[in-house]
Amino acid sequence: MREIELKGVVPDPEAARRALLASGARCTFAGGLIDWRYDLPDRRLRVRDEVLRLRVTRAADGSESARLDFKGPTSYPDGFKVREEIGTDVQDAATMHAILLGLGYVISREIEREVEVYEWEGVVVRLEQYPRLDVLAEVEGDPAGIEQAIACMGLARASFTVERLSDFARRFESRTGQRAALSARELSGDYSYRLDDA
């Protein structure tokens, strides 16, 4: 599957939420989203710009689901971030984690956030609240739909970029003087993961 997306800072999440709902968007999920990214000890996936990710979603009612995804190298046609992505649902995240570790993979990055997922005219908008970072919106779909969704939320198109999460974290740190926290582990002061792996 070809993933096309942009990401941007959302200064007023409540206003963006209201605008999406007023335009007919449906909220399809609200809850926790945890990503564990895996690599080999020599970081060969990172060097090749590839991502192996185990993602767990936790709904407000306590139910969980998991998915294993592989993403190929990033390209940037026409100012959009594009990657080939394949994945499958996973019945038991803990067992899949153990399998990956058994194959020699290590967790290279842990990312946690509370999210709200909206579907609007073939586009998926995900509002993301990290432990300590600006609220971000990831907008995924076809290029025209992405442009319309950004305009629908009343956000500046120039604020949406192809940048990686690490770029948004660095900008937050430069602006606020605070260290960004992309997980509960980092919020508690454990910064053993590299920001470049985000």
N, C-alpha and C. Protein backbone atom coordinates (compact mmCIF):
# COMPACT_ATOMS: atom_id res chain seq x y z
N MET A 1 0.84 -1.18 0.00
CA MET A 1 0.00 0.00 0.00
C MET A 1 0.88 1.24 0.00
N ARG A 2 0.49 2.23 -0.75
CA ARG A 2 1.24 3.48 -0.83
C ARG A 2 0.67 4.47 0.17
N GLU A 3 1.49 4.91 1.11
CA GLU A 3 1.08 5.86 2.13
C GLU A 3 1.53 7.26 1.72
N ILE A 4 0.59 8.21 1.66
CA ILE A 4 0.89 9.60 1.32
C ILE A 4 0.43 10.45 2.49
N GLU A 5 1.31 11.30 3.02
CA GLU A 5 0.93 12.06 4.21
C GLU A 5 1.70 13.37 4.35
N LEU A 6 1.16 14.22 5.22
CA LEU A 6 1.83 15.41 5.72
C LEU A 6 1.54 15.49 7.21
N LYS A 7 2.40 16.21 7.92
CA LYS A 7 2.24 16.37 9.36
C LYS A 7 2.43 17.84 9.71
N GLY A 8 1.67 18.33 10.69
CA GLY A 8 1.81 19.72 11.10
C GLY A 8 1.38 19.93 12.54
N VAL A 9 1.80 21.06 13.10
CA VAL A 9 1.43 21.45 14.46
C VAL A 9 0.00 21.99 14.46
N VAL A 10 -0.74 21.64 15.51
CA VAL A 10 -2.13 22.11 15.67
C VAL A 10 -2.17 23.02 16.88
N PRO A 11 -2.16 24.34 16.69
CA PRO A 11 -2.14 25.26 17.84
C PRO A 11 -3.39 25.18 18.70
N ASP A 12 -4.54 24.90 18.10
CA ASP A 12 -5.81 24.84 18.84
C ASP A 12 -6.53 23.54 18.47
N PRO A 13 -6.24 22.45 19.20
CA PRO A 13 -6.84 21.16 18.84
C PRO A 13 -8.37 21.17 18.91
N GLU A 14 -8.92 21.91 19.87
CA GLU A 14 -10.38 21.93 19.99
C GLU A 14 -11.02 22.57 18.76
N ALA A 15 -10.42 23.64 18.25
CA ALA A 15 -10.94 24.29 17.05
C ALA A 15 -10.84 23.35 15.84
N ALA A 16 -9.71 22.63 15.73
CA ALA A 16 -9.54 21.68 14.62
C ALA A 16 -10.58 20.57 14.72
N ARG A 17 -10.81 20.08 15.93
CA ARG A 17 -11.80 19.02 16.15
C ARG A 17 -13.20 19.50 15.75
N ARG A 18 -13.57 20.69 16.20
CA ARG A 18 -14.88 21.25 15.86
C ARG A 18 -15.03 21.40 14.35
N ALA A 19 -13.98 21.89 13.69
CA ALA A 19 -14.05 22.10 12.25
C ALA A 19 -14.21 20.77 11.51
N LEU A 20 -13.51 19.74 11.95
CA LEU A 20 -13.64 18.44 11.31
C LEU A 20 -15.06 17.89 11.46
N LEU A 21 -15.58 17.95 12.68
CA LEU A 21 -16.92 17.42 12.92
C LEU A 21 -17.98 18.23 12.17
N ALA A 22 -17.80 19.55 12.13
CA ALA A 22 -18.76 20.39 11.42
C ALA A 22 -18.77 20.10 9.92
N SER A 23 -17.64 19.63 9.40
CA SER A 23 -17.55 19.33 7.96
C SER A 23 -18.05 17.92 7.63
N GLY A 24 -18.45 17.16 8.66
CA GLY A 24 -18.96 15.82 8.42
C GLY A 24 -17.99 14.70 8.70
N ALA A 25 -16.81 15.02 9.24
CA ALA A 25 -15.85 13.96 9.58
C ALA A 25 -16.41 13.09 10.70
N ARG A 26 -16.03 11.83 10.69
CA ARG A 26 -16.42 10.89 11.74
C ARG A 26 -15.20 10.53 12.58
N CYS A 27 -15.35 10.57 13.89
CA CYS A 27 -14.28 10.10 14.78
C CYS A 27 -14.38 8.58 14.85
N THR A 28 -13.36 7.88 14.34
CA THR A 28 -13.39 6.42 14.29
C THR A 28 -12.60 5.76 15.40
N PHE A 29 -11.78 6.53 16.09
CA PHE A 29 -11.03 5.98 17.23
C PHE A 29 -10.53 7.10 18.10
N ALA A 30 -10.57 6.88 19.42
CA ALA A 30 -9.95 7.79 20.39
C ALA A 30 -9.35 6.92 21.48
N GLY A 31 -8.08 7.14 21.76
CA GLY A 31 -7.42 6.34 22.79
C GLY A 31 -5.91 6.40 22.65
N GLY A 32 -5.25 5.41 23.22
CA GLY A 32 -3.80 5.38 23.21
C GLY A 32 -3.24 4.67 21.98
N LEU A 33 -2.09 5.14 21.54
CA LEU A 33 -1.39 4.55 20.40
C LEU A 33 0.07 4.42 20.80
N ILE A 34 0.56 3.20 20.81
CA ILE A 34 1.95 2.94 21.20
C ILE A 34 2.66 2.25 20.04
N ASP A 35 3.80 2.81 19.66
CA ASP A 35 4.63 2.22 18.60
C ASP A 35 5.94 1.75 19.21
N TRP A 36 6.32 0.53 18.88
CA TRP A 36 7.68 0.07 19.14
C TRP A 36 8.32 -0.13 17.78
N ARG A 37 9.40 0.61 17.54
CA ARG A 37 10.15 0.45 16.30
C ARG A 37 11.34 -0.46 16.56
N TYR A 38 11.57 -1.36 15.64
CA TYR A 38 12.63 -2.35 15.79
C TYR A 38 13.70 -2.16 14.73
N ASP A 39 14.90 -2.51 15.10
CA ASP A 39 16.01 -2.49 14.16
C ASP A 39 17.00 -3.56 14.60
N LEU A 40 17.96 -3.86 13.77
CA LEU A 40 19.04 -4.74 14.17
C LEU A 40 20.09 -3.90 14.90
N PRO A 41 20.92 -4.51 15.72
CA PRO A 41 21.88 -3.73 16.51
C PRO A 41 22.75 -2.78 15.69
N ASP A 42 23.03 -3.13 14.43
CA ASP A 42 23.86 -2.23 13.60
C ASP A 42 23.04 -1.13 12.93
N ARG A 43 21.74 -1.07 13.23
CA ARG A 43 20.80 -0.04 12.73
C ARG A 43 20.70 -0.04 11.20
N ARG A 44 20.76 -1.22 10.60
CA ARG A 44 20.72 -1.30 9.13
C ARG A 44 19.38 -0.84 8.56
N LEU A 45 18.26 -1.04 9.29
CA LEU A 45 16.98 -0.55 8.77
C LEU A 45 16.98 0.97 8.71
N ARG A 46 17.47 1.61 9.75
CA ARG A 46 17.53 3.08 9.77
C ARG A 46 18.39 3.60 8.63
N VAL A 47 19.53 2.96 8.41
CA VAL A 47 20.44 3.37 7.34
C VAL A 47 19.74 3.28 5.98
N ARG A 48 18.89 2.27 5.81
CA ARG A 48 18.16 2.10 4.54
C ARG A 48 16.85 2.88 4.52
N ASP A 49 16.56 3.65 5.59
CA ASP A 49 15.31 4.41 5.71
C ASP A 49 14.10 3.48 5.65
N GLU A 50 14.19 2.36 6.37
CA GLU A 50 13.10 1.41 6.47
C GLU A 50 12.63 1.35 7.93
N VAL A 51 11.37 1.02 8.13
CA VAL A 51 10.80 0.97 9.48
C VAL A 51 10.09 -0.36 9.67
N LEU A 52 10.40 -1.03 10.78
CA LEU A 52 9.67 -2.20 11.23
C LEU A 52 9.02 -1.81 12.54
N ARG A 53 7.68 -1.85 12.57
CA ARG A 53 6.95 -1.27 13.70
C ARG A 53 5.87 -2.22 14.20
N LEU A 54 5.80 -2.36 15.52
CA LEU A 54 4.68 -3.04 16.16
C LEU A 54 3.85 -1.94 16.83
N ARG A 55 2.59 -1.82 16.40
CA ARG A 55 1.71 -0.74 16.89
C ARG A 55 0.57 -1.35 17.70
N VAL A 56 0.35 -0.83 18.88
CA VAL A 56 -0.74 -1.27 19.74
C VAL A 56 -1.68 -0.09 19.97
N THR A 57 -2.96 -0.29 19.72
CA THR A 57 -3.96 0.73 20.02
C THR A 57 -4.74 0.28 21.23
N ARG A 58 -5.00 1.23 22.14
CA ARG A 58 -5.75 0.96 23.37
C ARG A 58 -6.93 1.92 23.43
N ALA A 59 -8.12 1.35 23.30
CA ALA A 59 -9.34 2.17 23.34
C ALA A 59 -9.68 2.53 24.78
N ALA A 60 -10.57 3.51 24.92
CA ALA A 60 -10.97 3.98 26.25
C ALA A 60 -11.60 2.87 27.08
N ASP A 61 -12.22 1.88 26.43
CA ASP A 61 -12.87 0.79 27.16
C ASP A 61 -11.88 -0.31 27.57
N GLY A 62 -10.59 -0.09 27.27
CA GLY A 62 -9.56 -1.05 27.66
C GLY A 62 -9.22 -2.09 26.61
N SER A 63 -9.99 -2.16 25.54
CA SER A 63 -9.70 -3.14 24.49
C SER A 63 -8.45 -2.73 23.71
N GLU A 64 -7.72 -3.73 23.22
CA GLU A 64 -6.48 -3.49 22.50
C GLU A 64 -6.50 -4.21 21.15
N SER A 65 -5.77 -3.65 20.21
CA SER A 65 -5.49 -4.35 18.97
C SER A 65 -4.05 -4.03 18.59
N ALA A 66 -3.46 -4.87 17.75
CA ALA A 66 -2.06 -4.69 17.38
C ALA A 66 -1.86 -4.98 15.91
N ARG A 67 -0.80 -4.39 15.37
CA ARG A 67 -0.49 -4.52 13.95
C ARG A 67 1.02 -4.44 13.77
N LEU A 68 1.54 -5.28 12.89
CA LEU A 68 2.96 -5.25 12.53
C LEU A 68 3.06 -4.65 11.13
N ASP A 69 3.90 -3.63 10.98
CA ASP A 69 4.04 -2.93 9.70
C ASP A 69 5.51 -2.84 9.31
N PHE A 70 5.72 -2.89 8.00
CA PHE A 70 7.03 -2.60 7.42
C PHE A 70 6.86 -1.46 6.44
N LYS A 71 7.71 -0.43 6.58
CA LYS A 71 7.66 0.72 5.67
C LYS A 71 8.97 0.81 4.90
N GLY A 72 8.85 1.02 3.61
CA GLY A 72 10.02 1.18 2.77
C GLY A 72 10.57 2.59 2.82
N PRO A 73 11.61 2.86 2.05
CA PRO A 73 12.24 4.18 2.04
C PRO A 73 11.25 5.28 1.63
N THR A 74 11.50 6.48 2.16
CA THR A 74 10.64 7.64 1.91
C THR A 74 11.03 8.33 0.61
N SER A 75 10.02 8.76 -0.12
CA SER A 75 10.24 9.65 -1.27
C SER A 75 9.36 10.88 -1.05
N TYR A 76 9.63 11.94 -1.81
CA TYR A 76 8.94 13.22 -1.58
C TYR A 76 8.41 13.82 -2.87
N PRO A 77 7.60 13.10 -3.63
CA PRO A 77 7.08 13.67 -4.88
C PRO A 77 6.08 14.79 -4.61
N ASP A 78 6.25 15.89 -5.32
CA ASP A 78 5.32 17.02 -5.26
C ASP A 78 5.11 17.55 -3.84
N GLY A 79 6.12 17.40 -2.97
CA GLY A 79 6.03 17.96 -1.63
C GLY A 79 5.24 17.13 -0.63
N PHE A 80 4.99 15.87 -0.94
CA PHE A 80 4.30 14.97 -0.02
C PHE A 80 5.26 13.86 0.41
N LYS A 81 5.03 13.34 1.61
CA LYS A 81 5.83 12.23 2.11
C LYS A 81 5.16 10.93 1.67
N VAL A 82 5.91 10.09 0.96
CA VAL A 82 5.33 8.88 0.38
C VAL A 82 6.20 7.68 0.74
N ARG A 83 5.55 6.60 1.21
CA ARG A 83 6.26 5.36 1.50
C ARG A 83 5.37 4.19 1.12
N GLU A 84 6.00 3.11 0.69
CA GLU A 84 5.28 1.85 0.54
C GLU A 84 5.19 1.21 1.92
N GLU A 85 4.00 0.70 2.25
CA GLU A 85 3.79 0.12 3.57
C GLU A 85 3.00 -1.18 3.42
N ILE A 86 3.46 -2.22 4.11
CA ILE A 86 2.69 -3.46 4.18
C ILE A 86 2.57 -3.83 5.66
N GLY A 87 1.47 -4.47 6.01
CA GLY A 87 1.29 -4.84 7.40
C GLY A 87 0.20 -5.87 7.57
N THR A 88 0.11 -6.36 8.79
CA THR A 88 -0.90 -7.35 9.11
C THR A 88 -1.31 -7.22 10.57
N ASP A 89 -2.54 -7.56 10.86
CA ASP A 89 -3.01 -7.56 12.25
C ASP A 89 -2.28 -8.65 13.02
N VAL A 90 -2.08 -8.40 14.30
CA VAL A 90 -1.37 -9.33 15.18
C VAL A 90 -2.31 -9.68 16.34
N GLN A 91 -2.47 -10.96 16.61
CA GLN A 91 -3.37 -11.39 17.69
C GLN A 91 -2.77 -11.15 19.07
N ASP A 92 -1.46 -11.29 19.20
CA ASP A 92 -0.80 -11.23 20.50
C ASP A 92 0.47 -10.39 20.38
N ALA A 93 0.39 -9.13 20.81
CA ALA A 93 1.53 -8.22 20.66
C ALA A 93 2.74 -8.68 21.45
N ALA A 94 2.53 -9.22 22.65
CA ALA A 94 3.65 -9.66 23.48
C ALA A 94 4.40 -10.82 22.82
N THR A 95 3.67 -11.74 22.20
CA THR A 95 4.33 -12.85 21.51
C THR A 95 5.08 -12.36 20.28
N MET A 96 4.47 -11.43 19.52
CA MET A 96 5.17 -10.89 18.36
C MET A 96 6.44 -10.16 18.79
N HIS A 97 6.37 -9.42 19.88
CA HIS A 97 7.56 -8.74 20.42
C HIS A 97 8.65 -9.77 20.73
N ALA A 98 8.27 -10.87 21.37
CA ALA A 98 9.24 -11.91 21.72
C ALA A 98 9.85 -12.54 20.47
N ILE A 99 9.04 -12.73 19.44
CA ILE A 99 9.55 -13.29 18.18
C ILE A 99 10.59 -12.35 17.56
N LEU A 100 10.27 -11.06 17.53
CA LEU A 100 11.20 -10.09 16.94
C LEU A 100 12.51 -10.05 17.72
N LEU A 101 12.43 -10.08 19.05
CA LEU A 101 13.65 -10.10 19.85
C LEU A 101 14.42 -11.39 19.59
N GLY A 102 13.71 -12.51 19.45
CA GLY A 102 14.36 -13.79 19.17
C GLY A 102 15.08 -13.81 17.84
N LEU A 103 14.58 -13.02 16.89
CA LEU A 103 15.23 -12.92 15.58
C LEU A 103 16.42 -11.97 15.58
N GLY A 104 16.68 -11.34 16.72
CA GLY A 104 17.84 -10.45 16.83
C GLY A 104 17.53 -8.98 16.74
N TYR A 105 16.26 -8.63 16.62
CA TYR A 105 15.89 -7.21 16.58
C TYR A 105 15.91 -6.62 17.99
N VAL A 106 16.11 -5.33 18.07
CA VAL A 106 16.04 -4.59 19.34
C VAL A 106 15.06 -3.44 19.14
N ILE A 107 14.48 -2.98 20.22
CA ILE A 107 13.62 -1.79 20.13
C ILE A 107 14.53 -0.57 19.96
N SER A 108 14.36 0.14 18.87
CA SER A 108 15.18 1.34 18.62
C SER A 108 14.46 2.62 19.05
N ARG A 109 13.13 2.55 19.23
CA ARG A 109 12.38 3.75 19.63
C ARG A 109 11.01 3.34 20.12
N GLU A 110 10.58 3.99 21.18
CA GLU A 110 9.24 3.82 21.73
C GLU A 110 8.52 5.16 21.60
N ILE A 111 7.31 5.13 21.05
CA ILE A 111 6.54 6.36 20.85
C ILE A 111 5.14 6.12 21.39
N GLU A 112 4.70 7.00 22.30
CA GLU A 112 3.36 6.88 22.89
C GLU A 112 2.62 8.20 22.72
N ARG A 113 1.33 8.11 22.40
CA ARG A 113 0.52 9.32 22.35
C ARG A 113 -0.96 8.96 22.47
N GLU A 114 -1.74 9.95 22.86
CA GLU A 114 -3.19 9.84 22.83
C GLU A 114 -3.64 10.40 21.49
N VAL A 115 -4.53 9.71 20.81
CA VAL A 115 -4.92 10.12 19.47
C VAL A 115 -6.43 10.16 19.31
N GLU A 116 -6.84 10.97 18.37
CA GLU A 116 -8.21 10.97 17.87
C GLU A 116 -8.10 10.81 16.36
N VAL A 117 -8.78 9.82 15.81
CA VAL A 117 -8.70 9.54 14.38
C VAL A 117 -10.03 9.92 13.74
N TYR A 118 -9.95 10.75 12.70
CA TYR A 118 -11.14 11.21 11.97
C TYR A 118 -11.03 10.77 10.52
N GLU A 119 -12.14 10.34 9.97
CA GLU A 119 -12.21 10.02 8.54
C GLU A 119 -13.10 11.06 7.88
N TRP A 120 -12.59 11.61 6.77
CA TRP A 120 -13.30 12.69 6.09
C TRP A 120 -13.03 12.61 4.59
N GLU A 121 -14.03 12.26 3.83
CA GLU A 121 -13.96 12.25 2.37
C GLU A 121 -12.72 11.52 1.85
N GLY A 122 -12.48 10.32 2.37
CA GLY A 122 -11.36 9.51 1.90
C GLY A 122 -10.02 9.85 2.52
N VAL A 123 -10.01 10.78 3.45
CA VAL A 123 -8.78 11.20 4.12
C VAL A 123 -8.86 10.79 5.59
N VAL A 124 -7.72 10.43 6.17
CA VAL A 124 -7.64 10.13 7.60
C VAL A 124 -6.82 11.23 8.26
N VAL A 125 -7.41 11.84 9.28
CA VAL A 125 -6.73 12.87 10.07
C VAL A 125 -6.55 12.32 11.47
N ARG A 126 -5.31 12.33 11.95
CA ARG A 126 -5.03 11.84 13.31
C ARG A 126 -4.46 12.98 14.13
N LEU A 127 -5.21 13.41 15.15
CA LEU A 127 -4.72 14.40 16.11
C LEU A 127 -3.94 13.65 17.18
N GLU A 128 -2.69 14.07 17.41
CA GLU A 128 -1.78 13.33 18.28
C GLU A 128 -1.29 14.20 19.44
N GLN A 129 -1.51 13.72 20.67
CA GLN A 129 -1.03 14.41 21.87
C GLN A 129 0.03 13.54 22.54
N TYR A 130 1.27 13.99 22.48
CA TYR A 130 2.40 13.27 23.06
C TYR A 130 2.57 13.69 24.52
N PRO A 131 3.37 12.94 25.30
CA PRO A 131 3.56 13.34 26.70
C PRO A 131 4.08 14.77 26.87
N ARG A 132 5.04 15.19 26.03
CA ARG A 132 5.49 16.59 26.08
C ARG A 132 5.98 16.99 24.69
N LEU A 133 5.08 17.60 23.93
CA LEU A 133 5.35 18.05 22.56
C LEU A 133 4.12 18.81 22.10
N ASP A 134 4.25 19.59 21.05
CA ASP A 134 3.08 20.21 20.44
C ASP A 134 2.09 19.14 20.01
N VAL A 135 0.81 19.48 19.97
CA VAL A 135 -0.18 18.59 19.37
C VAL A 135 0.06 18.60 17.86
N LEU A 136 0.11 17.41 17.28
CA LEU A 136 0.35 17.29 15.84
C LEU A 136 -0.86 16.69 15.16
N ALA A 137 -1.01 17.00 13.87
CA ALA A 137 -2.00 16.33 13.03
C ALA A 137 -1.26 15.65 11.91
N GLU A 138 -1.55 14.36 11.73
CA GLU A 138 -1.05 13.63 10.58
C GLU A 138 -2.23 13.46 9.64
N VAL A 139 -2.05 13.88 8.39
CA VAL A 139 -3.13 13.83 7.41
C VAL A 139 -2.69 12.89 6.30
N GLU A 140 -3.49 11.85 6.07
CA GLU A 140 -3.11 10.81 5.12
C GLU A 140 -4.24 10.57 4.12
N GLY A 141 -3.88 10.44 2.85
CA GLY A 141 -4.85 10.20 1.80
C GLY A 141 -4.23 10.56 0.46
N ASP A 142 -5.08 10.94 -0.50
CA ASP A 142 -4.52 11.41 -1.77
C ASP A 142 -4.18 12.89 -1.63
N PRO A 143 -3.27 13.41 -2.45
CA PRO A 143 -2.82 14.79 -2.28
C PRO A 143 -3.94 15.82 -2.24
N ALA A 144 -4.92 15.73 -3.13
CA ALA A 144 -6.01 16.71 -3.14
C ALA A 144 -6.81 16.64 -1.85
N GLY A 145 -7.08 15.43 -1.38
CA GLY A 145 -7.82 15.26 -0.14
C GLY A 145 -7.06 15.79 1.06
N ILE A 146 -5.74 15.59 1.08
CA ILE A 146 -4.91 16.12 2.16
C ILE A 146 -5.02 17.64 2.20
N GLU A 147 -4.91 18.27 1.05
CA GLU A 147 -5.00 19.74 0.98
C GLU A 147 -6.36 20.21 1.50
N GLN A 148 -7.43 19.53 1.11
CA GLN A 148 -8.77 19.93 1.54
C GLN A 148 -8.94 19.75 3.05
N ALA A 149 -8.40 18.67 3.61
CA ALA A 149 -8.53 18.42 5.05
C ALA A 149 -7.80 19.48 5.86
N ILE A 150 -6.62 19.88 5.40
CA ILE A 150 -5.87 20.93 6.10
C ILE A 150 -6.65 22.23 6.08
N ALA A 151 -7.19 22.58 4.90
CA ALA A 151 -8.01 23.80 4.79
C ALA A 151 -9.25 23.70 5.66
N CYS A 152 -9.88 22.53 5.69
CA CYS A 152 -11.08 22.31 6.50
C CYS A 152 -10.82 22.61 7.97
N MET A 153 -9.64 22.24 8.47
CA MET A 153 -9.31 22.47 9.88
C MET A 153 -8.94 23.92 10.16
N GLY A 154 -8.82 24.73 9.09
CA GLY A 154 -8.47 26.13 9.27
C GLY A 154 -7.01 26.34 9.64
N LEU A 155 -6.16 25.39 9.25
CA LEU A 155 -4.74 25.49 9.58
C LEU A 155 -3.94 25.99 8.38
N ALA A 156 -2.82 26.62 8.66
CA ALA A 156 -1.97 27.17 7.61
C ALA A 156 -1.31 26.03 6.84
N ARG A 157 -1.47 26.02 5.54
CA ARG A 157 -0.88 24.95 4.72
C ARG A 157 0.63 24.91 4.89
N ALA A 158 1.26 26.07 5.07
CA ALA A 158 2.72 26.14 5.19
C ALA A 158 3.22 25.43 6.44
N SER A 159 2.34 25.21 7.42
CA SER A 159 2.78 24.56 8.66
C SER A 159 2.80 23.03 8.52
N PHE A 160 2.30 22.49 7.40
CA PHE A 160 2.31 21.05 7.17
C PHE A 160 3.46 20.68 6.26
N THR A 161 4.26 19.72 6.70
CA THR A 161 5.50 19.40 6.00
C THR A 161 5.69 17.89 5.89
N VAL A 162 6.75 17.51 5.20
CA VAL A 162 7.15 16.11 5.08
C VAL A 162 8.13 15.72 6.19
N GLU A 163 8.35 16.61 7.13
CA GLU A 163 9.35 16.37 8.17
C GLU A 163 8.98 15.18 9.04
N ARG A 164 9.99 14.62 9.67
CA ARG A 164 9.83 13.49 10.57
C ARG A 164 9.50 13.99 11.98
N LEU A 165 9.03 13.07 12.81
CA LEU A 165 8.68 13.41 14.19
C LEU A 165 9.87 14.04 14.92
N SER A 166 11.06 13.55 14.66
CA SER A 166 12.26 14.10 15.31
C SER A 166 12.45 15.58 14.99
N ASP A 167 12.08 16.01 13.79
CA ASP A 167 12.20 17.42 13.42
C ASP A 167 11.23 18.28 14.24
N PHE A 168 10.00 17.78 14.42
CA PHE A 168 9.03 18.51 15.24
C PHE A 168 9.50 18.58 16.68
N ALA A 169 10.11 17.50 17.19
CA ALA A 169 10.62 17.49 18.56
C ALA A 169 11.75 18.49 18.73
N ARG A 170 12.66 18.55 17.77
CA ARG A 170 13.77 19.51 17.87
C ARG A 170 13.26 20.95 17.84
N ARG A 171 12.27 21.22 16.99
CA ARG A 171 11.72 22.57 16.92
C ARG A 171 11.03 22.94 18.24
N PHE A 172 10.30 22.00 18.82
CA PHE A 172 9.66 22.22 20.12
C PHE A 172 10.71 22.55 21.18
N GLU A 173 11.80 21.79 21.21
CA GLU A 173 12.85 22.01 22.20
C GLU A 173 13.51 23.36 22.02
N SER A 174 13.76 23.75 20.78
CA SER A 174 14.38 25.03 20.49
C SER A 174 13.48 26.19 20.92
N ARG A 175 12.17 26.04 20.69
CA ARG A 175 11.22 27.11 21.00
C ARG A 175 10.93 27.23 22.49
N THR A 176 10.84 26.09 23.19
CA THR A 176 10.40 26.11 24.58
C THR A 176 11.52 25.98 25.60
N GLY A 177 12.67 25.47 25.17
CA GLY A 177 13.74 25.20 26.12
C GLY A 177 13.51 23.95 26.94
N GLN A 178 12.44 23.21 26.65
CA GLN A 178 12.13 21.95 27.33
C GLN A 178 12.50 20.78 26.42
N ARG A 179 12.86 19.68 27.03
CA ARG A 179 13.14 18.49 26.25
C ARG A 179 11.82 17.82 25.87
N ALA A 180 11.66 17.49 24.61
CA ALA A 180 10.45 16.79 24.17
C ALA A 180 10.43 15.40 24.77
N ALA A 181 9.23 14.90 25.06
CA ALA A 181 9.06 13.54 25.56
C ALA A 181 8.08 12.83 24.64
N LEU A 182 8.55 11.79 23.97
CA LEU A 182 7.73 11.04 23.02
C LEU A 182 7.14 9.78 23.63
N SER A 183 7.41 9.56 24.92
CA SER A 183 6.88 8.39 25.61
C SER A 183 6.85 8.68 27.10
N ALA A 184 6.12 7.86 27.84
CA ALA A 184 6.09 8.00 29.31
C ALA A 184 7.48 7.79 29.88
N ARG A 185 8.27 6.91 29.27
CA ARG A 185 9.65 6.67 29.72
C ARG A 185 10.46 7.97 29.66
N GLU A 186 10.31 8.71 28.56
CA GLU A 186 11.06 9.96 28.45
C GLU A 186 10.51 11.03 29.39
N LEU A 187 9.20 11.03 29.59
CA LEU A 187 8.61 12.00 30.51
C LEU A 187 9.17 11.81 31.92
N SER A 188 9.51 10.57 32.26
CA SER A 188 10.08 10.29 33.58
C SER A 188 11.59 10.53 33.63
N GLY A 189 12.19 10.92 32.49
CA GLY A 189 13.60 11.27 32.48
C GLY A 189 14.53 10.28 31.81
N ASP A 190 14.00 9.15 31.31
CA ASP A 190 14.83 8.15 30.64
C ASP A 190 14.88 8.45 29.15
N TYR A 191 16.00 9.03 28.71
CA TYR A 191 16.17 9.38 27.30
C TYR A 191 17.18 8.46 26.64
N SER A 192 17.04 7.14 26.88
CA SER A 192 18.00 6.20 26.32
C SER A 192 17.80 5.97 24.82
N TYR A 193 16.62 6.28 24.29
CA TYR A 193 16.41 6.16 22.85
C TYR A 193 16.90 7.41 22.14
N ARG A 194 17.42 7.22 20.93
CA ARG A 194 17.91 8.36 20.14
C ARG A 194 16.76 9.07 19.46
N LEU A 195 16.80 10.39 19.47
CA LEU A 195 15.75 11.16 18.82
C LEU A 195 15.73 10.90 17.31
N ASP A 196 16.89 10.65 16.72
CA ASP A 196 16.95 10.41 15.28
C ASP A 196 16.20 9.14 14.86
N ASP A 197 15.89 8.27 15.80
CA ASP A 197 15.15 7.06 15.48
C ASP A 197 13.63 7.29 15.53
N ALA A 198 13.20 8.52 15.80
CA ALA A 198 11.76 8.81 15.88
C ALA A 198 11.23 9.15 14.50
